[in-house]
Amino acid sequence: MYADDASRLARLERQVAFLYRHFGLDPQLADAFPGTDSMPPEFTQALRANNLIAAIKIYREVTGCGLVEAKAAVERIARSV
């Protein structure tokens, strides 16, 4: 049964890698954003483009937090990338 689990896991990893490539996402960013699973792709795009103002705006819209909190969170995320 262990071999079945290993092959299933390998298949799932290939599928996830395919989805990352298909949607143009950076797999390393997934680990860089703890708790930001609900962020839209535009958030990642803004970070990639180093457009922190757009990223902060999106972060605020999604989370409903204030400007200071959003700015600190986005800057923390951008540093970890």
C-alpha atoms as a PDB file:
ATOM      1  CA  MET A   1       0.000   0.000   0.000  1.00  0.00           C
ATOM      2  CA  TYR A   2       2.926   2.353   0.599  1.00  0.00           C
ATOM      3  CA  ALA A   3       3.894   2.252  -3.083  1.00  0.00           C
ATOM      4  CA  ASP A   4       0.356   3.259  -4.029  1.00  0.00           C
ATOM      5  CA  ASP A   5       0.533   6.233  -1.672  1.00  0.00           C
ATOM      6  CA  ALA A   6       3.925   7.279  -3.057  1.00  0.00           C
ATOM      7  CA  SER A   7       2.733   7.111  -6.662  1.00  0.00           C
ATOM      8  CA  ARG A   8      -0.436   9.026  -5.793  1.00  0.00           C
ATOM      9  CA  LEU A   9       1.612  11.725  -4.068  1.00  0.00           C
ATOM     10  CA  ALA A  10       3.977  11.958  -7.050  1.00  0.00           C
ATOM     11  CA  ARG A  11       1.000  12.296  -9.411  1.00  0.00           C
ATOM     12  CA  LEU A  12      -0.520  15.049  -7.257  1.00  0.00           C
ATOM     13  CA  GLU A  13       2.789  16.916  -7.151  1.00  0.00           C
ATOM     14  CA  ARG A  14       3.011  16.791 -10.958  1.00  0.00           C
ATOM     15  CA  GLN A  15      -0.542  18.107 -11.235  1.00  0.00           C
ATOM     16  CA  VAL A  16       0.159  20.980  -8.864  1.00  0.00           C
ATOM     17  CA  ALA A  17       3.364  21.829 -10.764  1.00  0.00           C
ATOM     18  CA  PHE A  18       1.377  21.837 -14.007  1.00  0.00           C
ATOM     19  CA  LEU A  19      -1.200  24.222 -12.513  1.00  0.00           C
ATOM     20  CA  TYR A  20       1.523  26.573 -11.307  1.00  0.00           C
ATOM     21  CA  ARG A  21       3.021  26.686 -14.816  1.00  0.00           C
ATOM     22  CA  HIS A  22      -0.376  26.978 -16.496  1.00  0.00           C
ATOM     23  CA  PHE A  23      -1.427  29.972 -14.411  1.00  0.00           C
ATOM     24  CA  GLY A  24       2.023  31.561 -14.467  1.00  0.00           C
ATOM     25  CA  LEU A  25       2.496  31.338 -10.720  1.00  0.00           C
ATOM     26  CA  ASP A  26       5.766  31.072  -8.871  1.00  0.00           C
ATOM     27  CA  PRO A  27       5.676  27.974  -6.605  1.00  0.00           C
ATOM     28  CA  GLN A  28       8.020  29.655  -4.138  1.00  0.00           C
ATOM     29  CA  LEU A  29       5.407  32.335  -3.478  1.00  0.00           C
ATOM     30  CA  ALA A  30       3.017  29.738  -2.060  1.00  0.00           C
ATOM     31  CA  ASP A  31       5.241  29.256   0.978  1.00  0.00           C
ATOM     32  CA  ALA A  32       5.990  32.956   1.280  1.00  0.00           C
ATOM     33  CA  PHE A  33       2.397  33.941   1.985  1.00  0.00           C
ATOM     34  CA  PRO A  34       1.281  32.265   5.172  1.00  0.00           C
ATOM     35  CA  GLY A  35      -2.436  32.792   5.594  1.00  0.00           C
ATOM     36  CA  THR A  36      -2.940  34.382   2.203  1.00  0.00           C
ATOM     37  CA  ASP A  37      -4.504  31.421   0.443  1.00  0.00           C
ATOM     38  CA  SER A  38      -7.541  33.521  -0.390  1.00  0.00           C
ATOM     39  CA  MET A  39      -5.561  36.209  -2.209  1.00  0.00           C
ATOM     40  CA  PRO A  40      -6.440  36.656  -5.879  1.00  0.00           C
ATOM     41  CA  PRO A  41      -3.784  36.164  -8.575  1.00  0.00           C
ATOM     42  CA  GLU A  42      -3.580  39.944  -9.006  1.00  0.00           C
ATOM     43  CA  PHE A  43      -1.972  40.137  -5.562  1.00  0.00           C
ATOM     44  CA  THR A  44       0.882  37.877  -6.664  1.00  0.00           C
ATOM     45  CA  GLN A  45       1.209  39.778  -9.930  1.00  0.00           C
ATOM     46  CA  ALA A  46       1.464  43.076  -8.070  1.00  0.00           C
ATOM     47  CA  LEU A  47       4.188  41.673  -5.838  1.00  0.00           C
ATOM     48  CA  ARG A  48       6.097  40.314  -8.823  1.00  0.00           C
ATOM     49  CA  ALA A  49       5.927  43.729 -10.461  1.00  0.00           C
ATOM     50  CA  ASN A  50       7.086  45.299  -7.186  1.00  0.00           C
ATOM     51  CA  ASN A  51       3.869  47.331  -7.146  1.00  0.00           C
ATOM     52  CA  LEU A  52       3.358  47.449  -3.395  1.00  0.00           C
ATOM     53  CA  ILE A  53       0.599  50.051  -3.593  1.00  0.00           C
ATOM     54  CA  ALA A  54      -1.564  47.756  -5.721  1.00  0.00           C
ATOM     55  CA  ALA A  55      -0.704  44.789  -3.495  1.00  0.00           C
ATOM     56  CA  ILE A  56      -1.683  46.752  -0.385  1.00  0.00           C
ATOM     57  CA  LYS A  57      -4.963  47.793  -1.994  1.00  0.00           C
ATOM     58  CA  ILE A  58      -5.802  44.185  -2.895  1.00  0.00           C
ATOM     59  CA  TYR A  59      -4.758  42.967   0.554  1.00  0.00           C
ATOM     60  CA  ARG A  60      -7.069  45.521   2.187  1.00  0.00           C
ATOM     61  CA  GLU A  61      -9.988  44.595  -0.063  1.00  0.00           C
ATOM     62  CA  VAL A  62      -9.614  40.889   0.697  1.00  0.00           C
ATOM     63  CA  THR A  63      -8.876  41.092   4.424  1.00  0.00           C
ATOM     64  CA  GLY A  64     -10.751  44.251   5.388  1.00  0.00           C
ATOM     65  CA  CYS A  65      -7.831  45.424   7.533  1.00  0.00           C
ATOM     66  CA  GLY A  66      -6.615  48.988   7.877  1.00  0.00           C
ATOM     67  CA  LEU A  67      -3.947  50.708   5.832  1.00  0.00           C
ATOM     68  CA  VAL A  68      -1.147  50.457   8.405  1.00  0.00           C
ATOM     69  CA  GLU A  69      -1.754  46.751   9.041  1.00  0.00           C
ATOM     70  CA  ALA A  70      -2.014  45.978   5.307  1.00  0.00           C
ATOM     71  CA  LYS A  71       1.151  47.931   4.524  1.00  0.00           C
ATOM     72  CA  ALA A  72       3.102  46.058   7.210  1.00  0.00           C
ATOM     73  CA  ALA A  73       1.777  42.683   6.043  1.00  0.00           C
ATOM     74  CA  VAL A  74       2.517  43.306   2.365  1.00  0.00           C
ATOM     75  CA  GLU A  75       6.001  44.614   3.113  1.00  0.00           C
ATOM     76  CA  ARG A  76       6.674  41.536   5.269  1.00  0.00           C
ATOM     77  CA  ILE A  77       5.467  39.260   2.470  1.00  0.00           C
ATOM     78  CA  ALA A  78       7.519  41.133  -0.143  1.00  0.00           C
ATOM     79  CA  ARG A  79      10.674  40.794   1.976  1.00  0.00           C
ATOM     80  CA  SER A  80      10.191  37.050   2.345  1.00  0.00           C
ATOM     81  CA  VAL A  81       9.976  36.528  -1.413  1.00  0.00           C
END
